[in-house]
Amino acid sequence: MAPIPALVQRSRIALLVALAAPPAAAAALIPARAHTDNANIALGLVVVVVAVAVFGNRVATVVSAASAALWFDFFQTRPYYSFTISAHDDLVTALLLLAVGIAVGELAIRTRRNRQAVARGSDDLAHLHAIAELVVSGEQPDIAVVTVASELRRLFELEDCTFERAPFEPIPKIARFERSGNVVFGGLNWGVGTMGLPGRQVELVVSGYGRTFGRFLLTPQPGRPVSFDRRIVAIALADQVAAAFVAQEQRPASAST
């Protein structure tokens, strides 16, 4: 049996927590209902929703908010242990619990994703800097090609990435990276930020200084969204390979042997 991907496993665990944590918390707060306002108890359940949002995805957050409102009704409003509400204020509190739980959970998700994006960006820049240092140190272009191909696999979670030196035969109907970071396919800018890289292969040309040195052929996994920042990093990586070829040509023959 194939292993479950970590992201899928985490989503499943988050959904289970979203279903189980709110009723457990609402039941645990039963002793407090005699001397604590229902609004304060509802705020306590919002904390549970936020905790799920920090760990899980949007589906788990919505489920936890709905679950919190439902079990708040069951355990904390009259008549107790029934999914009915007799008091208008309790009904308003339950609806506010649902709305606030979803809204605050959404903010928690966005904050977590922004933090992850910043961390990924810093990591990508560190890798780019390392390859630039490799080129400056005078490594052969073949070393730069292999290193950049490996980095492109990591950036885009590719199935494969190969390099062809110029001159090469044009491939009809292939998607291509542009200098702007856009990906063109069939004459149109492809929405790679939501749909992923298109087609069986995507061409990333290595050019600079008025010349073309080769191209990377990327074999993507379908439907993997690619951020604009990572596309720009890919262009910069290709530029490093071009710089390595130029540096080799300018190096004295005695130094390259």
Protein backbone atom coordinates (compact mmCIF):
# COMPACT_ATOMS: atom_id res chain seq x y z
CA MET A 1 0.00 0.00 0.00
CA ALA A 2 1.36 3.43 -0.98
CA PRO A 3 2.16 5.77 1.93
CA ILE A 4 -0.32 8.60 2.56
CA PRO A 5 1.21 12.01 1.64
CA ALA A 6 2.02 14.10 4.70
CA LEU A 7 -0.31 16.94 3.65
CA VAL A 8 -3.26 14.55 3.17
CA GLN A 9 -2.56 12.87 6.50
CA ARG A 10 -2.37 16.23 8.25
CA SER A 11 -5.68 17.30 6.67
CA ARG A 12 -7.37 14.11 7.87
CA ILE A 13 -6.08 14.57 11.41
CA ALA A 14 -7.22 18.22 11.39
CA LEU A 15 -10.70 17.18 10.28
CA LEU A 16 -10.93 14.60 13.06
CA VAL A 17 -9.83 17.21 15.61
CA ALA A 18 -12.38 19.66 14.14
CA LEU A 19 -15.14 17.14 14.77
CA ALA A 20 -14.00 15.95 18.21
CA ALA A 21 -12.51 19.01 19.95
CA PRO A 22 -15.56 21.34 20.05
CA PRO A 23 -17.95 18.85 21.73
CA ALA A 24 -15.22 17.88 24.19
CA ALA A 25 -14.56 21.54 25.04
CA ALA A 26 -18.28 22.37 25.28
CA ALA A 27 -18.84 19.41 27.60
CA ALA A 28 -15.83 20.36 29.72
CA LEU A 29 -17.34 23.83 30.22
CA ILE A 30 -20.61 22.48 31.67
CA PRO A 31 -19.57 23.26 35.29
CA ALA A 32 -18.96 26.89 34.25
CA ARG A 33 -22.42 27.55 32.80
CA ALA A 34 -24.01 28.19 36.22
CA HIS A 35 -21.78 31.18 36.98
CA THR A 36 -20.37 32.26 33.61
CA ASP A 37 -22.09 34.24 30.88
CA ASN A 38 -22.75 32.23 27.71
CA ALA A 39 -20.88 34.82 25.65
CA ASN A 40 -17.69 34.03 27.57
CA ILE A 41 -18.19 30.30 27.04
CA ALA A 42 -18.66 30.97 23.32
CA LEU A 43 -15.36 32.87 23.28
CA GLY A 44 -13.70 29.84 24.82
CA LEU A 45 -15.01 27.71 21.95
CA VAL A 46 -13.67 30.27 19.45
CA VAL A 47 -10.21 29.52 20.85
CA VAL A 48 -10.75 25.87 19.91
CA VAL A 49 -11.67 26.89 16.35
CA VAL A 50 -8.54 29.04 16.07
CA ALA A 51 -6.39 26.14 17.30
CA VAL A 52 -7.83 23.94 14.53
CA ALA A 53 -7.20 26.69 11.95
CA VAL A 54 -3.57 27.02 13.00
CA PHE A 55 -3.06 23.30 12.44
CA GLY A 56 -5.51 22.44 9.65
CA ASN A 57 -7.01 23.75 6.44
CA ARG A 58 -10.09 25.79 5.53
CA VAL A 59 -12.46 22.80 5.47
CA ALA A 60 -11.41 21.77 8.98
CA THR A 61 -11.86 25.36 10.18
CA VAL A 62 -15.42 25.63 8.86
CA VAL A 63 -16.28 22.20 10.29
CA SER A 64 -14.87 23.15 13.70
CA ALA A 65 -16.81 26.45 13.72
CA ALA A 66 -20.07 24.67 12.84
CA SER A 67 -19.35 21.96 15.38
CA ALA A 68 -18.60 24.55 18.07
CA ALA A 69 -21.93 26.33 17.42
CA LEU A 70 -23.84 23.04 17.40
CA TRP A 71 -22.38 21.71 20.66
CA PHE A 72 -22.61 25.11 22.32
CA ASP A 73 -26.34 24.82 21.65
CA PHE A 74 -26.46 21.24 22.98
CA PHE A 75 -24.48 21.72 26.20
CA GLN A 76 -24.75 25.42 27.05
CA THR A 77 -28.24 26.68 26.09
CA ARG A 78 -31.67 25.89 27.51
CA PRO A 79 -33.16 23.35 27.17
CA TYR A 80 -29.90 21.56 27.90
CA TYR A 81 -28.89 18.44 25.98
CA SER A 82 -31.17 19.31 23.10
CA PHE A 83 -30.48 20.89 19.71
CA THR A 84 -33.07 23.59 20.30
CA ILE A 85 -32.65 27.08 21.73
CA SER A 86 -35.40 28.74 23.76
CA ALA A 87 -33.75 32.12 24.43
CA HIS A 88 -33.26 34.68 21.67
CA ASP A 89 -29.92 35.87 23.16
CA ASP A 90 -28.56 32.32 23.14
CA LEU A 91 -29.54 31.95 19.47
CA VAL A 92 -27.71 35.16 18.62
CA THR A 93 -24.66 33.98 20.59
CA ALA A 94 -24.61 30.64 18.74
CA LEU A 95 -24.82 32.36 15.35
CA LEU A 96 -22.09 34.81 16.33
CA LEU A 97 -19.95 31.90 17.49
CA LEU A 98 -20.30 30.35 14.04
CA ALA A 99 -19.53 33.60 12.18
CA VAL A 100 -16.66 34.72 14.43
CA GLY A 101 -15.17 31.22 14.46
CA ILE A 102 -15.05 31.12 10.65
CA ALA A 103 -13.69 34.68 10.36
CA VAL A 104 -10.99 34.32 13.01
CA GLY A 105 -10.09 30.88 11.68
CA GLU A 106 -9.65 32.32 8.20
CA LEU A 107 -7.31 34.99 9.58
CA ALA A 108 -5.29 32.31 11.37
CA ILE A 109 -4.99 30.29 8.13
CA ARG A 110 -3.83 33.31 6.14
CA THR A 111 -1.31 34.27 8.80
CA ARG A 112 0.12 30.74 8.81
CA ARG A 113 0.32 30.62 5.02
CA ASN A 114 2.01 34.03 4.83
CA ARG A 115 4.56 32.86 7.38
CA GLN A 116 5.20 29.70 5.37
CA ALA A 117 5.55 31.72 2.15
CA VAL A 118 8.16 33.98 3.77
CA ALA A 119 10.09 30.93 5.00
CA ARG A 120 9.99 29.34 1.53
CA GLY A 121 11.12 32.59 -0.07
CA SER A 122 14.09 32.84 2.27
CA ASP A 123 15.02 29.23 1.54
CA ASP A 124 14.77 29.78 -2.23
CA LEU A 125 17.01 32.85 -2.01
CA ALA A 126 19.56 30.90 0.02
CA HIS A 127 19.68 28.19 -2.67
CA LEU A 128 20.00 30.83 -5.41
CA HIS A 129 22.85 32.50 -3.53
CA ALA A 130 24.64 29.16 -3.15
CA ILE A 131 24.46 28.52 -6.90
CA ALA A 132 25.68 32.06 -7.64
CA GLU A 133 28.65 31.42 -5.34
CA LEU A 134 29.33 28.18 -7.22
CA VAL A 135 29.43 30.04 -10.56
CA VAL A 136 31.63 32.82 -9.19
CA SER A 137 34.06 30.25 -7.83
CA GLY A 138 34.74 29.09 -11.40
CA GLU A 139 32.97 25.74 -11.48
CA GLN A 140 32.41 24.17 -14.90
CA PRO A 141 29.04 24.84 -16.58
CA ASP A 142 28.15 21.14 -16.37
CA ILE A 143 28.25 21.38 -12.58
CA ALA A 144 26.01 24.45 -12.68
CA VAL A 145 23.60 22.65 -15.03
CA VAL A 146 23.28 19.60 -12.77
CA THR A 147 22.87 21.77 -9.66
CA VAL A 148 20.24 24.01 -11.25
CA ALA A 149 18.32 21.01 -12.65
CA SER A 150 18.16 19.57 -9.14
CA GLU A 151 16.99 22.92 -7.77
CA LEU A 152 14.27 23.20 -10.44
CA ARG A 153 13.01 19.76 -9.46
CA ARG A 154 12.74 20.96 -5.87
CA LEU A 155 11.13 24.31 -6.72
CA PHE A 156 8.37 22.89 -8.92
CA GLU A 157 8.14 19.33 -7.57
CA LEU A 158 8.93 18.04 -11.06
CA GLU A 159 8.83 14.47 -12.25
CA ASP A 160 11.97 15.14 -14.30
CA CYS A 161 14.24 17.93 -15.53
CA THR A 162 16.77 17.59 -18.37
CA PHE A 163 19.11 19.98 -20.15
CA GLU A 164 19.88 20.32 -23.88
CA ARG A 165 22.75 22.39 -25.19
CA ALA A 166 22.21 24.74 -28.12
CA PRO A 167 21.60 24.33 -30.97
CA PHE A 168 18.44 22.32 -30.40
CA GLU A 169 15.36 21.51 -32.42
CA PRO A 170 12.23 23.55 -31.58
CA ILE A 171 9.40 21.57 -30.04
CA PRO A 172 5.95 22.50 -31.40
CA LYS A 173 3.11 23.15 -28.95
CA ILE A 174 5.33 23.30 -25.86
CA ALA A 175 4.81 25.62 -22.92
CA ARG A 176 7.60 28.15 -22.38
CA PHE A 177 8.87 30.34 -19.56
CA GLU A 178 9.18 34.02 -20.41
CA ARG A 179 11.62 36.45 -18.85
CA SER A 180 8.67 38.05 -17.04
CA GLY A 181 8.01 34.83 -15.13
CA ASN A 182 4.85 34.09 -17.10
CA VAL A 183 4.37 30.71 -18.76
CA VAL A 184 2.99 30.83 -22.31
CA PHE A 185 1.09 27.87 -23.74
CA GLY A 186 -0.78 27.96 -27.03
CA GLY A 187 -0.12 31.69 -27.34
CA LEU A 188 -1.79 32.44 -23.99
CA ASN A 189 -0.46 33.25 -20.53
CA TRP A 190 -1.20 30.08 -18.53
CA GLY A 191 -2.58 30.46 -15.00
CA VAL A 192 0.20 28.45 -13.36
CA GLY A 193 -0.50 30.09 -10.01
CA THR A 194 -3.74 28.10 -9.78
CA MET A 195 -3.55 25.36 -12.43
CA GLY A 196 0.13 24.43 -12.34
CA LEU A 197 2.55 24.01 -15.24
CA PRO A 198 0.78 22.93 -18.46
CA GLY A 199 1.47 20.14 -20.92
CA ARG A 200 3.92 17.27 -20.82
CA GLN A 201 6.99 19.52 -20.85
CA VAL A 202 7.82 23.16 -20.19
CA GLU A 203 10.80 24.85 -21.82
CA LEU A 204 13.10 27.15 -19.85
CA VAL A 205 15.66 28.65 -22.21
CA VAL A 206 19.12 29.51 -20.91
CA SER A 207 20.16 32.70 -22.69
CA GLY A 208 22.03 35.92 -22.10
CA TYR A 209 24.66 38.20 -23.53
CA GLY A 210 22.86 38.02 -26.88
CA ARG A 211 23.16 34.24 -27.13
CA THR A 212 21.28 31.04 -26.37
CA PHE A 213 23.27 28.36 -24.53
CA GLY A 214 20.65 25.65 -24.08
CA ARG A 215 17.35 24.87 -22.43
CA PHE A 216 15.91 23.00 -19.48
CA LEU A 217 12.96 20.73 -20.24
CA LEU A 218 10.74 20.46 -17.18
CA THR A 219 8.32 17.54 -16.79
CA PRO A 220 5.70 18.76 -14.30
CA GLN A 221 3.26 16.96 -12.08
CA PRO A 222 -0.27 17.96 -13.16
CA GLY A 223 -2.16 20.52 -11.13
CA ARG A 224 0.67 21.70 -8.86
CA PRO A 225 0.28 25.50 -8.48
CA VAL A 226 3.49 27.49 -8.90
CA SER A 227 3.92 30.89 -7.23
CA PHE A 228 5.19 33.89 -9.17
CA ASP A 229 8.17 34.24 -6.81
CA ARG A 230 9.34 30.70 -7.61
CA ARG A 231 9.00 31.34 -11.34
CA ILE A 232 11.24 34.38 -11.00
CA VAL A 233 13.75 32.30 -9.03
CA ALA A 234 13.74 29.76 -11.90
CA ILE A 235 14.60 32.54 -14.39
CA ALA A 236 17.42 33.69 -12.12
CA LEU A 237 18.74 30.11 -11.88
CA ALA A 238 18.79 29.85 -15.68
CA ASP A 239 20.74 33.14 -15.77
CA GLN A 240 23.35 31.61 -13.47
CA VAL A 241 23.85 28.76 -15.94
CA ALA A 242 24.29 31.30 -18.77
CA ALA A 243 26.85 33.14 -16.65
CA ALA A 244 28.72 29.87 -16.10
CA PHE A 245 28.97 29.27 -19.87
CA VAL A 246 30.21 32.82 -20.49
CA ALA A 247 32.75 32.54 -17.67
CA GLN A 248 34.10 29.31 -19.19
CA GLU A 249 34.56 30.96 -22.58
CA GLN A 250 36.36 33.92 -21.06
CA ARG A 251 38.60 31.78 -18.90
CA PRO A 252 42.17 31.36 -20.21
CA ALA A 253 42.75 27.93 -21.77
CA SER A 254 45.41 27.10 -19.17
CA ALA A 255 42.96 27.77 -16.33
CA SER A 256 40.23 25.51 -17.72
CA THR A 257 42.45 22.45 -18.11
